[in-house]
Structure formats: structure tokens, C-alpha cells
Amino acid sequence: LSPPGLPNPDGDVLVDLHVPDESKEARRAEAATLPKVLINDIDLNWLQTIGEGWASPLRGFMREGTLLETLHFNSILTDP
């Protein structure tokens, strides 16, 4: 557990960004309309890390402000 006054490292909520089975077809249709980008193996690994919740409580890539906050406070106090 975290020291008093600080949230637990996972924010007490695990972030799971997997698409539920009942939404998969709609999400595939939506994805077909979006621009495509080429990614390499490292990019794919980062997407898997975030998607499976290994970087919980992050819901996406860390921005500079959040990175500096974690370096300064050794914790994420907000998730912009």
C-alpha cells in the first residue's frame, strides 16, 4: 500500500482496454474507417502493455507533464 495521502500505484482500479465480445464487430467496423499506420515490433509491444493493463492506471501513452510528475513525486497524482 502507498503512504498515507497517496493513492495506490494502480489507482485502486485496474485498467483493462480489451474490447468486450459483444462490441467487437462494431469496433472492427469503426477501425476499418480509421487511418492506418505502420508500426514496428516495439510499438506493438507498447500497445499490448497499455491494452492489457500492465501500465495501469494509464489509459494511453504518458505525456511529458505526467512523466515529469512521476519523476518528481514517484507517483501519478492525476491522469490528464
C-alpha atoms as a PDB file:
ATOM      1  CA  LEU A   1       0.000   0.000   0.000  1.00  0.00           C
ATOM      2  CA  SER A   2       1.000   3.598  -0.570  1.00  0.00           C
ATOM      3  CA  PRO A   3       1.951   6.034   2.190  1.00  0.00           C
ATOM      4  CA  PRO A   4      -0.983   7.958   3.712  1.00  0.00           C
ATOM      5  CA  GLY A   5      -2.333  10.620   1.370  1.00  0.00           C
ATOM      6  CA  LEU A   6      -1.175   8.931  -1.825  1.00  0.00           C
ATOM      7  CA  PRO A   7      -3.275   6.632  -4.000  1.00  0.00           C
ATOM      8  CA  ASN A   8      -2.226   3.033  -4.538  1.00  0.00           C
ATOM      9  CA  PRO A   9       0.040   2.594  -7.591  1.00  0.00           C
ATOM     10  CA  ASP A  10      -2.760   1.096  -9.692  1.00  0.00           C
ATOM     11  CA  GLY A  11      -5.218   3.800  -8.624  1.00  0.00           C
ATOM     12  CA  ASP A  12      -7.308   1.047  -6.988  1.00  0.00           C
ATOM     13  CA  VAL A  13      -8.793   0.328 -10.419  1.00  0.00           C
ATOM     14  CA  LEU A  14      -7.218  -1.986 -12.962  1.00  0.00           C
ATOM     15  CA  VAL A  15      -7.417  -0.608 -16.491  1.00  0.00           C
ATOM     16  CA  ASP A  16      -8.437  -3.269 -19.000  1.00  0.00           C
ATOM     17  CA  LEU A  17      -8.769  -1.884 -22.517  1.00  0.00           C
ATOM     18  CA  HIS A  18      -9.779  -5.159 -24.189  1.00  0.00           C
ATOM     19  CA  VAL A  19     -12.908  -4.841 -26.319  1.00  0.00           C
ATOM     20  CA  PRO A  20     -15.803  -6.846 -24.860  1.00  0.00           C
ATOM     21  CA  ASP A  21     -17.019  -9.694 -27.088  1.00  0.00           C
ATOM     22  CA  GLU A  22     -20.386  -8.030 -27.676  1.00  0.00           C
ATOM     23  CA  SER A  23     -18.678  -4.866 -29.044  1.00  0.00           C
ATOM     24  CA  LYS A  24     -16.014  -6.461 -31.242  1.00  0.00           C
ATOM     25  CA  GLU A  25     -17.911  -6.364 -34.542  1.00  0.00           C
ATOM     26  CA  ALA A  26     -18.836  -2.685 -34.113  1.00  0.00           C
ATOM     27  CA  ARG A  27     -15.248  -1.813 -33.172  1.00  0.00           C
ATOM     28  CA  ARG A  28     -13.898  -3.691 -36.214  1.00  0.00           C
ATOM     29  CA  ALA A  29     -16.282  -1.720 -38.438  1.00  0.00           C
ATOM     30  CA  GLU A  30     -15.163   1.514 -36.784  1.00  0.00           C
ATOM     31  CA  ALA A  31     -11.491   0.562 -37.153  1.00  0.00           C
ATOM     32  CA  ALA A  32     -11.990  -0.042 -40.890  1.00  0.00           C
ATOM     33  CA  THR A  33     -12.860   3.668 -41.289  1.00  0.00           C
ATOM     34  CA  LEU A  34      -9.803   4.973 -39.424  1.00  0.00           C
ATOM     35  CA  PRO A  35      -6.453   5.916 -40.992  1.00  0.00           C
ATOM     36  CA  LYS A  36      -3.892   3.110 -40.993  1.00  0.00           C
ATOM     37  CA  VAL A  37      -0.352   3.450 -39.634  1.00  0.00           C
ATOM     38  CA  LEU A  38       2.607   1.126 -39.833  1.00  0.00           C
ATOM     39  CA  ILE A  39       4.050   0.051 -36.508  1.00  0.00           C
ATOM     40  CA  ASN A  40       7.130  -1.956 -35.616  1.00  0.00           C
ATOM     41  CA  ASP A  41       7.523  -4.695 -33.001  1.00  0.00           C
ATOM     42  CA  ILE A  42       8.405  -2.224 -30.236  1.00  0.00           C
ATOM     43  CA  ASP A  43       5.295  -0.137 -30.956  1.00  0.00           C
ATOM     44  CA  LEU A  44       3.190  -3.304 -30.879  1.00  0.00           C
ATOM     45  CA  ASN A  45       4.682  -4.275 -27.510  1.00  0.00           C
ATOM     46  CA  TRP A  46       3.805  -0.850 -26.054  1.00  0.00           C
ATOM     47  CA  LEU A  47       0.232  -1.127 -27.342  1.00  0.00           C
ATOM     48  CA  GLN A  48      -0.051  -4.554 -25.727  1.00  0.00           C
ATOM     49  CA  THR A  49       1.373  -3.202 -22.454  1.00  0.00           C
ATOM     50  CA  ILE A  50      -1.241  -0.456 -22.297  1.00  0.00           C
ATOM     51  CA  GLY A  51      -4.101  -2.562 -23.677  1.00  0.00           C
ATOM     52  CA  GLU A  52      -3.659  -5.380 -21.175  1.00  0.00           C
ATOM     53  CA  GLY A  53      -3.403  -3.006 -18.224  1.00  0.00           C
ATOM     54  CA  TRP A  54       0.255  -3.650 -17.378  1.00  0.00           C
ATOM     55  CA  ALA A  55       0.736   0.131 -17.200  1.00  0.00           C
ATOM     56  CA  SER A  56      -2.381   0.634 -15.072  1.00  0.00           C
ATOM     57  CA  PRO A  57      -3.702   3.222 -14.254  1.00  0.00           C
ATOM     58  CA  LEU A  58      -2.542   4.704 -17.572  1.00  0.00           C
ATOM     59  CA  ARG A  59      -5.118   4.594 -20.368  1.00  0.00           C
ATOM     60  CA  GLY A  60      -2.696   5.692 -23.059  1.00  0.00           C
ATOM     61  CA  PHE A  61       0.803   6.895 -23.600  1.00  0.00           C
ATOM     62  CA  MET A  62       2.278   9.157 -20.956  1.00  0.00           C
ATOM     63  CA  ARG A  63       2.556  12.833 -21.834  1.00  0.00           C
ATOM     64  CA  GLU A  64       5.528  14.936 -20.775  1.00  0.00           C
ATOM     65  CA  GLY A  65       3.696  16.512 -17.821  1.00  0.00           C
ATOM     66  CA  THR A  66       2.725  13.114 -16.407  1.00  0.00           C
ATOM     67  CA  LEU A  67       6.258  11.788 -16.902  1.00  0.00           C
ATOM     68  CA  LEU A  68       7.762  14.758 -15.059  1.00  0.00           C
ATOM     69  CA  GLU A  69       5.201  14.317 -12.282  1.00  0.00           C
ATOM     70  CA  THR A  70       6.144  10.665 -11.830  1.00  0.00           C
ATOM     71  CA  LEU A  71       9.832  11.550 -11.764  1.00  0.00           C
ATOM     72  CA  HIS A  72       9.248  14.283  -9.173  1.00  0.00           C
ATOM     73  CA  PHE A  73       6.655  12.608  -6.926  1.00  0.00           C
ATOM     74  CA  ASN A  74       7.418   8.956  -7.755  1.00  0.00           C
ATOM     75  CA  SER A  75       3.665   8.646  -8.338  1.00  0.00           C
ATOM     76  CA  ILE A  76       0.944   9.791 -10.736  1.00  0.00           C
ATOM     77  CA  LEU A  77      -1.379  12.077  -8.834  1.00  0.00           C
ATOM     78  CA  THR A  78      -3.656  12.840 -11.790  1.00  0.00           C
ATOM     79  CA  ASP A  79      -4.264  11.241 -15.161  1.00  0.00           C
ATOM     80  CA  PRO A  80      -4.859  14.073 -17.668  1.00  0.00           C
END
